[in-house]
Amino acid sequence: AGGLVGSVWFIAREHTQAEYRWIALFGSGHRENM
């Protein structure tokens, strides 16, 4: 459980950063375009 909590924290963090990169690159800076 500890390994899952620690790992999922960073996986979710990187996925969120990927979403922000998508918004910046392809979504004209607007979340609703993603």
Full PDB file with SEQRES, HELIX, SHEET, SSBOND, CRYST1, ORIGX, SCALE, CONECT and MASTER records, all heavy atoms in Angstrom:
SEQRES   1 A   34  ALA GLY GLY LEU VAL GLY SER VAL TRP PHE ILE ALA ARG          
SEQRES   2 A   34  GLU HIS THR GLN ALA GLU TYR ARG TRP ILE ALA LEU PHE          
SEQRES   3 A   34  GLY SER GLY HIS ARG GLU ASN MET                              
HELIX    1 AA1 GLY A    2  PHE A   26  1                                  25    
HELIX    2 AA2 ARG A   31  ASN A   33  5                                   3    
CRYST1    1.000    1.000    1.000  90.00  90.00  90.00 P 1           1          
ORIGX1      1.000000  0.000000  0.000000        0.00000                         
ORIGX2      0.000000  1.000000  0.000000        0.00000                         
ORIGX3      0.000000  0.000000  1.000000        0.00000                         
SCALE1      1.000000  0.000000  0.000000        0.00000                         
SCALE2      0.000000  1.000000  0.000000        0.00000                         
SCALE3      0.000000  0.000000  1.000000        0.00000                         
ATOM      1  N   ALA A   1       0.838  -1.208   0.000  1.00  0.00           N  
ATOM      2  CA  ALA A   1       0.000   0.000   0.000  1.00  0.00           C  
ATOM      3  C   ALA A   1       0.867   1.250   0.000  1.00  0.00           C  
ATOM      4  O   ALA A   1       0.580   2.223  -0.712  1.00  0.00           O  
ATOM      5  CB  ALA A   1      -0.933  -0.006   1.210  1.00  0.00           C  
ATOM      6  N   GLY A   2       1.934   1.248   0.781  1.00  0.00           N  
ATOM      7  CA  GLY A   2       2.834   2.397   0.811  1.00  0.00           C  
ATOM      8  C   GLY A   2       3.493   2.644  -0.528  1.00  0.00           C  
ATOM      9  O   GLY A   2       3.618   3.780  -0.974  1.00  0.00           O  
ATOM     10  N   GLY A   3       3.907   1.558  -1.189  1.00  0.00           N  
ATOM     11  CA  GLY A   3       4.503   1.700  -2.509  1.00  0.00           C  
ATOM     12  C   GLY A   3       3.507   2.216  -3.530  1.00  0.00           C  
ATOM     13  O   GLY A   3       3.845   3.046  -4.381  1.00  0.00           O  
ATOM     14  N   LEU A   4       2.268   1.755  -3.428  1.00  0.00           N  
ATOM     15  CA  LEU A   4       1.235   2.238  -4.340  1.00  0.00           C  
ATOM     16  C   LEU A   4       0.938   3.716  -4.126  1.00  0.00           C  
ATOM     17  O   LEU A   4       0.848   4.483  -5.088  1.00  0.00           O  
ATOM     18  CB  LEU A   4      -0.049   1.417  -4.167  1.00  0.00           C  
ATOM     19  CG  LEU A   4      -0.026   0.024  -4.758  1.00  0.00           C  
ATOM     20  CD1 LEU A   4      -1.266  -0.758  -4.343  1.00  0.00           C  
ATOM     21  CD2 LEU A   4       0.099   0.075  -6.261  1.00  0.00           C  
ATOM     22  N   VAL A   5       0.795   4.116  -2.872  1.00  0.00           N  
ATOM     23  CA  VAL A   5       0.513   5.529  -2.582  1.00  0.00           C  
ATOM     24  C   VAL A   5       1.656   6.411  -3.086  1.00  0.00           C  
ATOM     25  O   VAL A   5       1.434   7.417  -3.761  1.00  0.00           O  
ATOM     26  CB  VAL A   5       0.280   5.745  -1.071  1.00  0.00           C  
ATOM     27  CG1 VAL A   5       0.256   7.225  -0.722  1.00  0.00           C  
ATOM     28  CG2 VAL A   5      -1.014   5.089  -0.636  1.00  0.00           C  
ATOM     29  N   GLY A   6       2.886   6.030  -2.762  1.00  0.00           N  
ATOM     30  CA  GLY A   6       4.039   6.820  -3.194  1.00  0.00           C  
ATOM     31  C   GLY A   6       4.189   6.878  -4.697  1.00  0.00           C  
ATOM     32  O   GLY A   6       4.506   7.926  -5.263  1.00  0.00           O  
ATOM     33  N   SER A   7       3.936   5.775  -5.375  1.00  0.00           N  
ATOM     34  CA  SER A   7       4.096   5.726  -6.828  1.00  0.00           C  
ATOM     35  C   SER A   7       2.976   6.451  -7.560  1.00  0.00           C  
ATOM     36  O   SER A   7       3.224   7.221  -8.494  1.00  0.00           O  
ATOM     37  CB  SER A   7       4.146   4.268  -7.296  1.00  0.00           C  
ATOM     38  OG  SER A   7       5.275   3.622  -6.763  1.00  0.00           O  
ATOM     39  N   VAL A   8       1.741   6.212  -7.139  1.00  0.00           N  
ATOM     40  CA  VAL A   8       0.603   6.821  -7.818  1.00  0.00           C  
ATOM     41  C   VAL A   8       0.641   8.337  -7.685  1.00  0.00           C  
ATOM     42  O   VAL A   8       0.221   9.059  -8.589  1.00  0.00           O  
ATOM     43  CB  VAL A   8      -0.726   6.220  -7.295  1.00  0.00           C  
ATOM     44  CG1 VAL A   8      -1.925   7.014  -7.768  1.00  0.00           C  
ATOM     45  CG2 VAL A   8      -0.840   4.776  -7.745  1.00  0.00           C  
ATOM     46  N   TRP A   9       1.175   8.828  -6.590  1.00  0.00           N  
ATOM     47  CA  TRP A   9       1.302  10.275  -6.405  1.00  0.00           C  
ATOM     48  C   TRP A   9       2.088  10.885  -7.575  1.00  0.00           C  
ATOM     49  O   TRP A   9       1.663  11.875  -8.167  1.00  0.00           O  
ATOM     50  CB  TRP A   9       2.007  10.571  -5.084  1.00  0.00           C  
ATOM     51  CG  TRP A   9       2.202  12.022  -4.817  1.00  0.00           C  
ATOM     52  CD1 TRP A   9       3.194  12.829  -5.295  1.00  0.00           C  
ATOM     53  CD2 TRP A   9       1.363  12.858  -4.049  1.00  0.00           C  
ATOM     54  NE1 TRP A   9       3.031  14.101  -4.839  1.00  0.00           N  
ATOM     55  CE2 TRP A   9       1.909  14.154  -4.063  1.00  0.00           C  
ATOM     56  CE3 TRP A   9       0.203  12.628  -3.309  1.00  0.00           C  
ATOM     57  CZ2 TRP A   9       1.331  15.212  -3.392  1.00  0.00           C  
ATOM     58  CZ3 TRP A   9      -0.353  13.684  -2.636  1.00  0.00           C  
ATOM     59  CH2 TRP A   9       0.203  14.963  -2.695  1.00  0.00           C  
ATOM     60  N   PHE A  10       3.221  10.293  -7.908  1.00  0.00           N  
ATOM     61  CA  PHE A  10       4.067  10.851  -8.965  1.00  0.00           C  
ATOM     62  C   PHE A  10       3.533  10.537 -10.362  1.00  0.00           C  
ATOM     63  O   PHE A  10       3.724  11.327 -11.289  1.00  0.00           O  
ATOM     64  CB  PHE A  10       5.509  10.389  -8.795  1.00  0.00           C  
ATOM     65  CG  PHE A  10       6.148  11.033  -7.602  1.00  0.00           C  
ATOM     66  CD1 PHE A  10       6.368  10.319  -6.439  1.00  0.00           C  
ATOM     67  CD2 PHE A  10       6.474  12.375  -7.624  1.00  0.00           C  
ATOM     68  CE1 PHE A  10       6.920  10.928  -5.329  1.00  0.00           C  
ATOM     69  CE2 PHE A  10       7.024  12.999  -6.517  1.00  0.00           C  
ATOM     70  CZ  PHE A  10       7.247  12.270  -5.369  1.00  0.00           C  
ATOM     71  N   ILE A  11       2.871   9.403 -10.529  1.00  0.00           N  
ATOM     72  CA  ILE A  11       2.254   9.105 -11.818  1.00  0.00           C  
ATOM     73  C   ILE A  11       1.157  10.127 -12.108  1.00  0.00           C  
ATOM     74  O   ILE A  11       1.071  10.671 -13.218  1.00  0.00           O  
ATOM     75  CB  ILE A  11       1.710   7.664 -11.839  1.00  0.00           C  
ATOM     76  CG1 ILE A  11       2.884   6.668 -11.790  1.00  0.00           C  
ATOM     77  CG2 ILE A  11       0.838   7.425 -13.060  1.00  0.00           C  
ATOM     78  CD1 ILE A  11       2.478   5.236 -11.541  1.00  0.00           C  
ATOM     79  N   ALA A  12       0.328  10.417 -11.108  1.00  0.00           N  
ATOM     80  CA  ALA A  12      -0.733  11.409 -11.281  1.00  0.00           C  
ATOM     81  C   ALA A  12      -0.150  12.795 -11.543  1.00  0.00           C  
ATOM     82  O   ALA A  12      -0.665  13.555 -12.370  1.00  0.00           O  
ATOM     83  CB  ALA A  12      -1.635  11.434 -10.053  1.00  0.00           C  
ATOM     84  N   ARG A  13       0.925  13.115 -10.867  1.00  0.00           N  
ATOM     85  CA  ARG A  13       1.584  14.415 -11.054  1.00  0.00           C  
ATOM     86  C   ARG A  13       2.073  14.563 -12.495  1.00  0.00           C  
ATOM     87  O   ARG A  13       1.879  15.608 -13.127  1.00  0.00           O  
ATOM     88  CB  ARG A  13       2.744  14.544 -10.072  1.00  0.00           C  
ATOM     89  CG  ARG A  13       3.527  15.814 -10.190  1.00  0.00           C  
ATOM     90  CD  ARG A  13       4.688  15.788  -9.178  1.00  0.00           C  
ATOM     91  NE  ARG A  13       5.435  17.009  -9.228  1.00  0.00           N  
ATOM     92  CZ  ARG A  13       6.440  17.248 -10.067  1.00  0.00           C  
ATOM     93  NH1 ARG A  13       6.803  16.326 -10.930  1.00  0.00           N  
ATOM     94  NH2 ARG A  13       7.083  18.391 -10.040  1.00  0.00           N  
ATOM     95  N   GLU A  14       2.714  13.534 -13.022  1.00  0.00           N  
ATOM     96  CA  GLU A  14       3.225  13.603 -14.393  1.00  0.00           C  
ATOM     97  C   GLU A  14       2.099  13.645 -15.412  1.00  0.00           C  
ATOM     98  O   GLU A  14       2.208  14.326 -16.429  1.00  0.00           O  
ATOM     99  CB  GLU A  14       4.159  12.428 -14.674  1.00  0.00           C  
ATOM    100  CG  GLU A  14       5.462  12.504 -13.924  1.00  0.00           C  
ATOM    101  CD  GLU A  14       6.198  13.808 -14.155  1.00  0.00           C  
ATOM    102  OE1 GLU A  14       6.279  14.277 -15.306  1.00  0.00           O  
ATOM    103  OE2 GLU A  14       6.696  14.370 -13.159  1.00  0.00           O  
ATOM    104  N   HIS A  15       1.019  12.934 -15.142  1.00  0.00           N  
ATOM    105  CA  HIS A  15      -0.119  12.982 -16.058  1.00  0.00           C  
ATOM    106  C   HIS A  15      -0.720  14.385 -16.088  1.00  0.00           C  
ATOM    107  O   HIS A  15      -1.060  14.902 -17.153  1.00  0.00           O  
ATOM    108  CB  HIS A  15      -1.172  11.951 -15.652  1.00  0.00           C  
ATOM    109  CG  HIS A  15      -2.321  11.915 -16.585  1.00  0.00           C  
ATOM    110  ND1 HIS A  15      -3.468  12.640 -16.375  1.00  0.00           N  
ATOM    111  CD2 HIS A  15      -2.489  11.264 -17.762  1.00  0.00           C  
ATOM    112  CE1 HIS A  15      -4.299  12.424 -17.377  1.00  0.00           C  
ATOM    113  NE2 HIS A  15      -3.733  11.596 -18.229  1.00  0.00           N  
ATOM    114  N   THR A  16      -0.824  15.002 -14.922  1.00  0.00           N  
ATOM    115  CA  THR A  16      -1.341  16.376 -14.853  1.00  0.00           C  
ATOM    116  C   THR A  16      -0.438  17.332 -15.626  1.00  0.00           C  
ATOM    117  O   THR A  16      -0.921  18.207 -16.361  1.00  0.00           O  
ATOM    118  CB  THR A  16      -1.464  16.828 -13.394  1.00  0.00           C  
ATOM    119  OG1 THR A  16      -2.330  15.919 -12.709  1.00  0.00           O  
ATOM    120  CG2 THR A  16      -2.006  18.233 -13.286  1.00  0.00           C  
ATOM    121  N   GLN A  17       0.867  17.168 -15.496  1.00  0.00           N  
ATOM    122  CA  GLN A  17       1.784  18.022 -16.240  1.00  0.00           C  
ATOM    123  C   GLN A  17       1.654  17.786 -17.748  1.00  0.00           C  
ATOM    124  O   GLN A  17       1.762  18.730 -18.537  1.00  0.00           O  
ATOM    125  CB  GLN A  17       3.222  17.792 -15.779  1.00  0.00           C  
ATOM    126  CG  GLN A  17       3.470  18.355 -14.402  1.00  0.00           C  
ATOM    127  CD  GLN A  17       4.909  18.188 -13.958  1.00  0.00           C  
ATOM    128  OE1 GLN A  17       5.686  17.437 -14.553  1.00  0.00           O  
ATOM    129  NE2 GLN A  17       5.271  18.895 -12.909  1.00  0.00           N  
ATOM    130  N   ALA A  18       1.409  16.538 -18.146  1.00  0.00           N  
ATOM    131  CA  ALA A  18       1.185  16.248 -19.570  1.00  0.00           C  
ATOM    132  C   ALA A  18      -0.078  16.949 -20.067  1.00  0.00           C  
ATOM    133  O   ALA A  18      -0.109  17.468 -21.187  1.00  0.00           O  
ATOM    134  CB  ALA A  18       1.094  14.745 -19.797  1.00  0.00           C  
ATOM    135  N   GLU A  19      -1.101  16.996 -19.239  1.00  0.00           N  
ATOM    136  CA  GLU A  19      -2.316  17.719 -19.624  1.00  0.00           C  
ATOM    137  C   GLU A  19      -2.021  19.203 -19.832  1.00  0.00           C  
ATOM    138  O   GLU A  19      -2.494  19.804 -20.796  1.00  0.00           O  
ATOM    139  CB  GLU A  19      -3.401  17.554 -18.555  1.00  0.00           C  
ATOM    140  CG  GLU A  19      -3.992  16.175 -18.511  1.00  0.00           C  
ATOM    141  CD  GLU A  19      -5.045  16.024 -17.444  1.00  0.00           C  
ATOM    142  OE1 GLU A  19      -5.025  16.769 -16.442  1.00  0.00           O  
ATOM    143  OE2 GLU A  19      -5.904  15.152 -17.606  1.00  0.00           O  
ATOM    144  N   TYR A  20      -1.255  19.792 -18.936  1.00  0.00           N  
ATOM    145  CA  TYR A  20      -0.904  21.208 -19.089  1.00  0.00           C  
ATOM    146  C   TYR A  20      -0.074  21.447 -20.348  1.00  0.00           C  
ATOM    147  O   TYR A  20      -0.242  22.460 -21.029  1.00  0.00           O  
ATOM    148  CB  TYR A  20      -0.174  21.737 -17.851  1.00  0.00           C  
ATOM    149  CG  TYR A  20      -1.097  22.017 -16.706  1.00  0.00           C  
ATOM    150  CD1 TYR A  20      -1.006  21.303 -15.524  1.00  0.00           C  
ATOM    151  CD2 TYR A  20      -2.077  23.003 -16.800  1.00  0.00           C  
ATOM    152  CE1 TYR A  20      -1.853  21.564 -14.462  1.00  0.00           C  
ATOM    153  CE2 TYR A  20      -2.937  23.269 -15.755  1.00  0.00           C  
ATOM    154  CZ  TYR A  20      -2.823  22.548 -14.588  1.00  0.00           C  
ATOM    155  OH  TYR A  20      -3.675  22.809 -13.545  1.00  0.00           O  
ATOM    156  N   ARG A  21       0.824  20.506 -20.663  1.00  0.00           N  
ATOM    157  CA  ARG A  21       1.597  20.647 -21.900  1.00  0.00           C  
ATOM    158  C   ARG A  21       0.686  20.554 -23.114  1.00  0.00           C  
ATOM    159  O   ARG A  21       0.843  21.305 -24.074  1.00  0.00           O  
ATOM    160  CB  ARG A  21       2.699  19.581 -21.970  1.00  0.00           C  
ATOM    161  CG  ARG A  21       3.870  19.852 -21.051  1.00  0.00           C  
ATOM    162  CD  ARG A  21       5.047  18.931 -21.339  1.00  0.00           C  
ATOM    163  NE  ARG A  21       4.749  17.538 -21.094  1.00  0.00           N  
ATOM    164  CZ  ARG A  21       4.903  16.929 -19.919  1.00  0.00           C  
ATOM    165  NH1 ARG A  21       5.353  17.602 -18.876  1.00  0.00           N  
ATOM    166  NH2 ARG A  21       4.620  15.648 -19.793  1.00  0.00           N  
ATOM    167  N   TRP A  22      -0.306  19.653 -23.080  1.00  0.00           N  
ATOM    168  CA  TRP A  22      -1.239  19.531 -24.185  1.00  0.00           C  
ATOM    169  C   TRP A  22      -2.016  20.832 -24.365  1.00  0.00           C  
ATOM    170  O   TRP A  22      -2.171  21.325 -25.475  1.00  0.00           O  
ATOM    171  CB  TRP A  22      -2.219  18.370 -23.952  1.00  0.00           C  
ATOM    172  CG  TRP A  22      -2.965  18.020 -25.196  1.00  0.00           C  
ATOM    173  CD1 TRP A  22      -2.669  17.007 -26.055  1.00  0.00           C  
ATOM    174  CD2 TRP A  22      -4.097  18.695 -25.752  1.00  0.00           C  
ATOM    175  NE1 TRP A  22      -3.549  17.007 -27.104  1.00  0.00           N  
ATOM    176  CE2 TRP A  22      -4.444  18.040 -26.946  1.00  0.00           C  
ATOM    177  CE3 TRP A  22      -4.849  19.794 -25.367  1.00  0.00           C  
ATOM    178  CZ2 TRP A  22      -5.503  18.434 -27.747  1.00  0.00           C  
ATOM    179  CZ3 TRP A  22      -5.905  20.202 -26.164  1.00  0.00           C  
ATOM    180  CH2 TRP A  22      -6.227  19.522 -27.339  1.00  0.00           C  
ATOM    181  N   ILE A  23      -2.489  21.388 -23.256  1.00  0.00           N  
ATOM    182  CA  ILE A  23      -3.247  22.641 -23.307  1.00  0.00           C  
ATOM    183  C   ILE A  23      -2.391  23.751 -23.908  1.00  0.00           C  
ATOM    184  O   ILE A  23      -2.858  24.520 -24.758  1.00  0.00           O  
ATOM    185  CB  ILE A  23      -3.745  23.023 -21.901  1.00  0.00           C  
ATOM    186  CG1 ILE A  23      -4.817  22.030 -21.434  1.00  0.00           C  
ATOM    187  CG2 ILE A  23      -4.286  24.452 -21.880  1.00  0.00           C  
ATOM    188  CD1 ILE A  23      -5.133  22.117 -19.947  1.00  0.00           C  
ATOM    189  N   ALA A  24      -1.142  23.830 -23.499  1.00  0.00           N  
ATOM    190  CA  ALA A  24      -0.255  24.879 -24.018  1.00  0.00           C  
ATOM    191  C   ALA A  24       0.067  24.684 -25.495  1.00  0.00           C  
ATOM    192  O   ALA A  24       0.112  25.656 -26.256  1.00  0.00           O  
ATOM    193  CB  ALA A  24       1.035  24.910 -23.206  1.00  0.00           C  
ATOM    194  N   LEU A  25       0.275  23.434 -25.915  1.00  0.00           N  
ATOM    195  CA  LEU A  25       0.696  23.165 -27.289  1.00  0.00           C  
ATOM    196  C   LEU A  25      -0.459  23.095 -28.286  1.00  0.00           C  
ATOM    197  O   LEU A  25      -0.325  23.546 -29.425  1.00  0.00           O  
ATOM    198  CB  LEU A  25       1.488  21.849 -27.347  1.00  0.00           C  
ATOM    199  CG  LEU A  25       2.837  21.847 -26.647  1.00  0.00           C  
ATOM    200  CD1 LEU A  25       3.405  20.433 -26.588  1.00  0.00           C  
ATOM    201  CD2 LEU A  25       3.803  22.784 -27.354  1.00  0.00           C  
ATOM    202  N   PHE A  26      -1.563  22.507 -27.879  1.00  0.00           N  
ATOM    203  CA  PHE A  26      -2.633  22.220 -28.832  1.00  0.00           C  
ATOM    204  C   PHE A  26      -3.983  22.829 -28.474  1.00  0.00           C  
ATOM    205  O   PHE A  26      -4.877  22.830 -29.299  1.00  0.00           O  
ATOM    206  CB  PHE A  26      -2.813  20.704 -28.987  1.00  0.00           C  
ATOM    207  CG  PHE A  26      -1.539  19.983 -29.293  1.00  0.00           C  
ATOM    208  CD1 PHE A  26      -0.978  19.126 -28.370  1.00  0.00           C  
ATOM    209  CD2 PHE A  26      -0.897  20.158 -30.504  1.00  0.00           C  
ATOM    210  CE1 PHE A  26       0.207  18.459 -28.644  1.00  0.00           C  
ATOM    211  CE2 PHE A  26       0.285  19.499 -30.789  1.00  0.00           C  
ATOM    212  CZ  PHE A  26       0.832  18.647 -29.856  1.00  0.00           C  
ATOM    213  N   GLY A  27      -4.124  23.310 -27.265  1.00  0.00           N  
ATOM    214  CA  GLY A  27      -5.423  23.794 -26.817  1.00  0.00           C  
ATOM    215  C   GLY A  27      -5.554  25.294 -26.721  1.00  0.00           C  
ATOM    216  O   GLY A  27      -6.455  25.794 -26.062  1.00  0.00           O  
ATOM    217  N   SER A  28      -4.649  26.015 -27.341  1.00  0.00           N  
ATOM    218  CA  SER A  28      -4.672  27.488 -27.332  1.00  0.00           C  
ATOM    219  C   SER A  28      -4.690  28.051 -25.911  1.00  0.00           C  
ATOM    220  O   SER A  28      -5.257  29.113 -25.664  1.00  0.00           O  
ATOM    221  CB  SER A  28      -5.882  28.014 -28.110  1.00  0.00           C  
ATOM    222  OG  SER A  28      -5.862  27.550 -29.435  1.00  0.00           O  
ATOM    223  N   GLY A  29      -4.117  27.298 -24.975  1.00  0.00           N  
ATOM    224  CA  GLY A  29      -4.037  27.771 -23.596  1.00  0.00           C  
ATOM    225  C   GLY A  29      -5.323  27.644 -22.806  1.00  0.00           C  
ATOM    226  O   GLY A  29      -5.409  28.137 -21.687  1.00  0.00           O  
ATOM    227  N   HIS A  30      -6.320  26.960 -23.354  1.00  0.00           N  
ATOM    228  CA  HIS A  30      -7.611  26.835 -22.682  1.00  0.00           C  
ATOM    229  C   HIS A  30      -7.918  25.374 -22.366  1.00  0.00           C  
ATOM    230  O   HIS A  30      -7.944  24.528 -23.256  1.00  0.00           O  
ATOM    231  CB  HIS A  30      -8.738  27.407 -23.551  1.00  0.00           C  
ATOM    232  CG  HIS A  30      -8.571  28.854 -23.844  1.00  0.00           C  
ATOM    233  ND1 HIS A  30      -8.832  29.834 -22.928  1.00  0.00           N  
ATOM    234  CD2 HIS A  30      -8.139  29.488 -24.958  1.00  0.00           C  
ATOM    235  CE1 HIS A  30      -8.584  31.015 -23.457  1.00  0.00           C  
ATOM    236  NE2 HIS A  30      -8.149  30.830 -24.704  1.00  0.00           N  
ATOM    237  N   ARG A  31      -8.179  25.111 -21.107  1.00  0.00           N  
ATOM    238  CA  ARG A  31      -8.459  23.750 -20.655  1.00  0.00           C  
ATOM    239  C   ARG A  31      -9.667  23.145 -21.370  1.00  0.00           C  
ATOM    240  O   ARG A  31      -9.690  21.947 -21.667  1.00  0.00           O  
ATOM    241  CB  ARG A  31      -8.682  23.743 -19.146  1.00  0.00           C  
ATOM    242  CG  ARG A  31      -9.003  22.375 -18.586  1.00  0.00           C  
ATOM    243  CD  ARG A  31      -9.169  22.402 -17.086  1.00  0.00           C  
ATOM    244  NE  ARG A  31      -7.919  22.598 -16.402  1.00  0.00           N  
ATOM    245  CZ  ARG A  31      -7.029  21.642 -16.169  1.00  0.00           C  
ATOM    246  NH1 ARG A  31      -7.241  20.437 -16.594  1.00  0.00           N  
ATOM    247  NH2 ARG A  31      -5.917  21.909 -15.515  1.00  0.00           N  
ATOM    248  N   GLU A  32     -10.675  23.949 -21.654  1.00  0.00           N  
ATOM    249  CA  GLU A  32     -11.885  23.413 -22.278  1.00  0.00           C  
ATOM    250  C   GLU A  32     -11.639  22.890 -23.696  1.00  0.00           C  
ATOM    251  O   GLU A  32     -12.450  22.147 -24.227  1.00  0.00           O  
ATOM    252  CB  GLU A  32     -13.022  24.453 -22.286  1.00  0.00           C  
ATOM    253  CG  GLU A  32     -12.717  25.695 -23.083  1.00  0.00           C  
ATOM    254  CD  GLU A  32     -12.065  26.804 -22.265  1.00  0.00           C  
ATOM    255  OE1 GLU A  32     -11.682  26.569 -21.103  1.00  0.00           O  
ATOM    256  OE2 GLU A  32     -11.927  27.905 -22.812  1.00  0.00           O  
ATOM    257  N   ASN A  33     -10.507  23.238 -24.293  1.00  0.00           N  
ATOM    258  CA  ASN A  33     -10.169  22.730 -25.625  1.00  0.00           C  
ATOM    259  C   ASN A  33      -9.549  21.329 -25.588  1.00  0.00           C  
ATOM    260  O   ASN A  33      -9.401  20.698 -26.627  1.00  0.00           O  
ATOM    261  CB  ASN A  33      -9.210  23.680 -26.332  1.00  0.00           C  
ATOM    262  CG  ASN A  33      -9.870  25.002 -26.666  1.00  0.00           C  
ATOM    263  OD1 ASN A  33     -11.079  25.093 -26.767  1.00  0.00           O  
ATOM    264  ND2 ASN A  33      -9.059  26.035 -26.819  1.00  0.00           N  
ATOM    265  N   MET A  34      -9.188  20.859 -24.403  1.00  0.00           N  
ATOM    266  CA  MET A  34      -8.516  19.570 -24.297  1.00  0.00           C  
ATOM    267  C   MET A  34      -9.531  18.431 -24.278  1.00  0.00           C  
ATOM    268  O   MET A  34     -10.476  18.450 -23.502  1.00  0.00           O  
ATOM    269  CB  MET A  34      -7.670  19.498 -23.026  1.00  0.00           C  
ATOM    270  CG  MET A  34      -6.867  18.218 -22.926  1.00  0.00           C  
ATOM    271  SD  MET A  34      -5.906  18.086 -21.415  1.00  0.00           S  
ATOM    272  CE  MET A  34      -7.178  17.831 -20.218  1.00  0.00           C  
TER     273      MET A  34                                                      
MASTER        0    0    0    2    0    0    0    6  272    1    0    3          
END                                                                             
